[in-house]
Amino acid sequence: MGTTSRTLLRFGDKVRAERMRRGFSQEELGARAGVHRTYVGMIERGEKNITLLNIEKFARALGVRISSLVD
């Protein structure tokens, strides 16, 4: 597995953990972030290379700092 894949999987794991901690479904997180629920799933599974602008949307929707999702 390449570095990029590991990075995407780590990011997705952090998004999933924060989403579950707040009791949000993928659909609710998607609505809060302004993205489709299927996109949330793809991010959580590390299937999509998310843009910085979408990272910001996810962080805002989860009420966390961007750094907490990328550290």
Protein backbone atom coordinates (compact mmCIF):
# COMPACT_ATOMS: atom_id res chain seq x y z
CA MET A 1 0.00 0.00 0.00
CA GLY A 2 1.39 3.38 -0.99
CA THR A 3 1.80 6.43 1.20
CA THR A 4 -1.13 8.15 -0.51
CA SER A 5 -3.43 5.22 0.21
CA ARG A 6 -2.39 5.12 3.87
CA THR A 7 -2.94 8.87 4.17
CA LEU A 8 -6.43 8.63 2.69
CA LEU A 9 -7.33 5.70 4.93
CA ARG A 10 -6.06 7.51 8.06
CA PHE A 11 -8.04 10.61 7.13
CA GLY A 12 -11.17 8.54 6.48
CA ASP A 13 -10.78 6.76 9.81
CA LYS A 14 -10.60 10.11 11.60
CA VAL A 15 -13.68 11.42 9.80
CA ARG A 16 -15.60 8.23 10.66
CA ALA A 17 -14.53 8.37 14.32
CA GLU A 18 -15.59 12.02 14.67
CA ARG A 19 -18.87 11.35 12.86
CA MET A 20 -19.70 8.40 15.09
CA ARG A 21 -18.64 10.30 18.23
CA ARG A 22 -21.29 12.87 17.37
CA GLY A 23 -23.89 10.26 16.46
CA PHE A 24 -24.19 11.48 12.87
CA SER A 25 -25.14 9.18 10.01
CA GLN A 26 -23.21 9.54 6.77
CA GLU A 27 -26.30 11.23 5.36
CA GLU A 28 -26.41 13.78 8.19
CA LEU A 29 -22.70 14.56 7.91
CA GLY A 30 -23.10 14.95 4.16
CA ALA A 31 -25.98 17.38 4.64
CA ARG A 32 -24.03 19.39 7.21
CA ALA A 33 -20.95 19.49 4.97
CA GLY A 34 -22.87 20.13 1.75
CA VAL A 35 -21.76 16.90 0.06
CA HIS A 36 -23.61 13.72 -0.96
CA ARG A 37 -23.76 10.86 1.56
CA THR A 38 -22.05 8.52 -0.91
CA TYR A 39 -19.09 10.93 -1.00
CA VAL A 40 -18.85 10.68 2.81
CA GLY A 41 -18.63 6.90 2.49
CA MET A 42 -15.97 7.10 -0.21
CA ILE A 43 -13.90 9.44 1.98
CA GLU A 44 -14.26 7.19 5.01
CA ARG A 45 -13.11 4.19 2.97
CA GLY A 46 -10.15 6.10 1.52
CA GLU A 47 -11.47 5.81 -2.03
CA LYS A 48 -11.36 9.52 -2.90
CA ASN A 49 -8.53 12.01 -2.71
CA ILE A 50 -10.35 14.82 -0.91
CA THR A 51 -9.61 18.47 -1.69
CA LEU A 52 -8.55 20.99 0.92
CA LEU A 53 -11.84 22.86 0.48
CA ASN A 54 -13.80 19.70 1.24
CA ILE A 55 -11.57 18.94 4.23
CA GLU A 56 -12.59 22.34 5.55
CA LYS A 57 -16.29 21.51 4.97
CA PHE A 58 -15.94 18.25 6.88
CA ALA A 59 -14.08 19.91 9.75
CA ARG A 60 -16.74 22.62 10.08
CA ALA A 61 -19.57 20.09 9.90
CA LEU A 62 -17.91 18.03 12.63
CA GLY A 63 -17.03 21.06 14.75
CA VAL A 64 -13.31 20.28 14.78
CA ARG A 65 -10.14 21.95 13.57
CA ILE A 66 -8.74 20.83 10.23
CA SER A 67 -5.56 19.78 12.01
CA SER A 68 -7.44 17.17 14.05
CA LEU A 69 -8.39 15.39 10.83
CA VAL A 70 -5.00 15.51 9.17
CA ASP A 71 -2.54 14.99 12.04
